[in-house]
Amino acid sequence: MYPQIRNLREDSDLTQVQMAEILNCSQRIYSNYERGDVDIPTAILIKLAKYHKVSTDYLLGLTNCKKQYPKK
């Protein structure tokens, strides 16, 4: 389960349908990502991180720090 993804979506006042449109996927697939029923593809994970301005580690639950690392 990826509660961070759901929380970020809700904090942005977006529905699953709207988030799916941003990611160019179906609502059903996006819902599967939030529930952790399927692994999130790397490309989608990166899009989510960029959209919400958080690190991929945060999305995956590896850290509580939302901060993105600056590009070198």
C-alpha atoms as a PDB file:
ATOM      1  CA  MET A   1       0.000   0.000   0.000  1.00  0.00           C
ATOM      2  CA  TYR A   2       1.195   3.489  -0.850  1.00  0.00           C
ATOM      3  CA  PRO A   3      -0.632   5.840   1.540  1.00  0.00           C
ATOM      4  CA  GLN A   4       1.725   8.693   0.635  1.00  0.00           C
ATOM      5  CA  ILE A   5       0.401   8.711  -2.921  1.00  0.00           C
ATOM      6  CA  ARG A   6      -3.188   8.873  -1.760  1.00  0.00           C
ATOM      7  CA  ASN A   7      -2.438  11.554   0.843  1.00  0.00           C
ATOM      8  CA  LEU A   8      -0.620  13.735  -1.686  1.00  0.00           C
ATOM      9  CA  ARG A   9      -3.474  13.373  -4.172  1.00  0.00           C
ATOM     10  CA  GLU A  10      -6.048  14.298  -1.550  1.00  0.00           C
ATOM     11  CA  ASP A  11      -3.913  17.205  -0.303  1.00  0.00           C
ATOM     12  CA  SER A  12      -3.969  18.507  -3.900  1.00  0.00           C
ATOM     13  CA  ASP A  13      -7.785  18.138  -3.986  1.00  0.00           C
ATOM     14  CA  LEU A  14      -7.576  15.753  -6.929  1.00  0.00           C
ATOM     15  CA  THR A  15      -9.757  12.756  -7.671  1.00  0.00           C
ATOM     16  CA  GLN A  16      -8.299   9.462  -8.830  1.00  0.00           C
ATOM     17  CA  VAL A  17      -9.691  10.219 -12.289  1.00  0.00           C
ATOM     18  CA  GLN A  18      -7.878  13.569 -12.418  1.00  0.00           C
ATOM     19  CA  MET A  19      -4.612  12.035 -11.217  1.00  0.00           C
ATOM     20  CA  ALA A  20      -4.928   9.232 -13.755  1.00  0.00           C
ATOM     21  CA  GLU A  21      -5.362  11.821 -16.520  1.00  0.00           C
ATOM     22  CA  ILE A  22      -2.201  13.616 -15.383  1.00  0.00           C
ATOM     23  CA  LEU A  23      -0.326  10.299 -15.497  1.00  0.00           C
ATOM     24  CA  ASN A  24      -1.936   9.164 -18.782  1.00  0.00           C
ATOM     25  CA  CYS A  25      -3.365   5.980 -17.290  1.00  0.00           C
ATOM     26  CA  SER A  26      -6.812   4.730 -16.352  1.00  0.00           C
ATOM     27  CA  GLN A  27      -8.456   5.415 -13.005  1.00  0.00           C
ATOM     28  CA  ARG A  28      -8.516   1.687 -12.337  1.00  0.00           C
ATOM     29  CA  ILE A  29      -4.741   1.377 -12.810  1.00  0.00           C
ATOM     30  CA  TYR A  30      -4.129   4.443 -10.643  1.00  0.00           C
ATOM     31  CA  SER A  31      -6.376   2.993  -7.940  1.00  0.00           C
ATOM     32  CA  ASN A  32      -4.294  -0.195  -8.076  1.00  0.00           C
ATOM     33  CA  TYR A  33      -1.168   1.904  -7.469  1.00  0.00           C
ATOM     34  CA  GLU A  34      -2.680   3.562  -4.395  1.00  0.00           C
ATOM     35  CA  ARG A  35      -3.776   0.232  -2.940  1.00  0.00           C
ATOM     36  CA  GLY A  36      -0.434  -1.393  -3.703  1.00  0.00           C
ATOM     37  CA  ASP A  37      -2.095  -4.087  -5.811  1.00  0.00           C
ATOM     38  CA  VAL A  38       0.503  -3.575  -8.547  1.00  0.00           C
ATOM     39  CA  ASP A  39       4.025  -2.193  -8.539  1.00  0.00           C
ATOM     40  CA  ILE A  40       4.288   1.363  -9.784  1.00  0.00           C
ATOM     41  CA  PRO A  41       6.337   1.539 -12.992  1.00  0.00           C
ATOM     42  CA  THR A  42       9.450   3.686 -12.710  1.00  0.00           C
ATOM     43  CA  ALA A  43       8.200   6.218 -15.273  1.00  0.00           C
ATOM     44  CA  ILE A  44       4.942   6.719 -13.328  1.00  0.00           C
ATOM     45  CA  LEU A  45       6.815   6.964 -10.039  1.00  0.00           C
ATOM     46  CA  ILE A  46       9.006   9.718 -11.483  1.00  0.00           C
ATOM     47  CA  LYS A  47       5.959  11.585 -12.842  1.00  0.00           C
ATOM     48  CA  LEU A  48       4.293  11.392  -9.429  1.00  0.00           C
ATOM     49  CA  ALA A  49       7.414  12.651  -7.665  1.00  0.00           C
ATOM     50  CA  LYS A  50       7.809  15.559 -10.073  1.00  0.00           C
ATOM     51  CA  TYR A  51       4.135  16.485  -9.934  1.00  0.00           C
ATOM     52  CA  HIS A  52       3.999  16.502  -6.130  1.00  0.00           C
ATOM     53  CA  LYS A  53       7.570  17.821  -5.765  1.00  0.00           C
ATOM     54  CA  VAL A  54       8.637  15.004  -3.460  1.00  0.00           C
ATOM     55  CA  SER A  55      11.308  12.331  -3.593  1.00  0.00           C
ATOM     56  CA  THR A  56      10.620   8.881  -4.982  1.00  0.00           C
ATOM     57  CA  ASP A  57      11.888   7.481  -1.676  1.00  0.00           C
ATOM     58  CA  TYR A  58       9.054   9.338   0.059  1.00  0.00           C
ATOM     59  CA  LEU A  59       6.472   7.914  -2.348  1.00  0.00           C
ATOM     60  CA  LEU A  60       7.776   4.409  -1.740  1.00  0.00           C
ATOM     61  CA  GLY A  61       7.645   4.832   2.028  1.00  0.00           C
ATOM     62  CA  LEU A  62      11.424   4.591   2.462  1.00  0.00           C
ATOM     63  CA  THR A  63      11.639   7.962   4.193  1.00  0.00           C
ATOM     64  CA  ASN A  64       9.346  10.461   5.882  1.00  0.00           C
ATOM     65  CA  CYS A  65      11.259  13.328   4.275  1.00  0.00           C
ATOM     66  CA  LYS A  66       9.317  14.752   1.329  1.00  0.00           C
ATOM     67  CA  LYS A  67      12.211  16.839   0.035  1.00  0.00           C
ATOM     68  CA  GLN A  68      13.505  16.183  -3.459  1.00  0.00           C
ATOM     69  CA  TYR A  69      17.235  16.079  -3.832  1.00  0.00           C
ATOM     70  CA  PRO A  70      18.623  18.834  -6.055  1.00  0.00           C
ATOM     71  CA  LYS A  71      19.906  17.803  -9.463  1.00  0.00           C
ATOM     72  CA  LYS A  72      23.643  18.037  -9.973  1.00  0.00           C
END
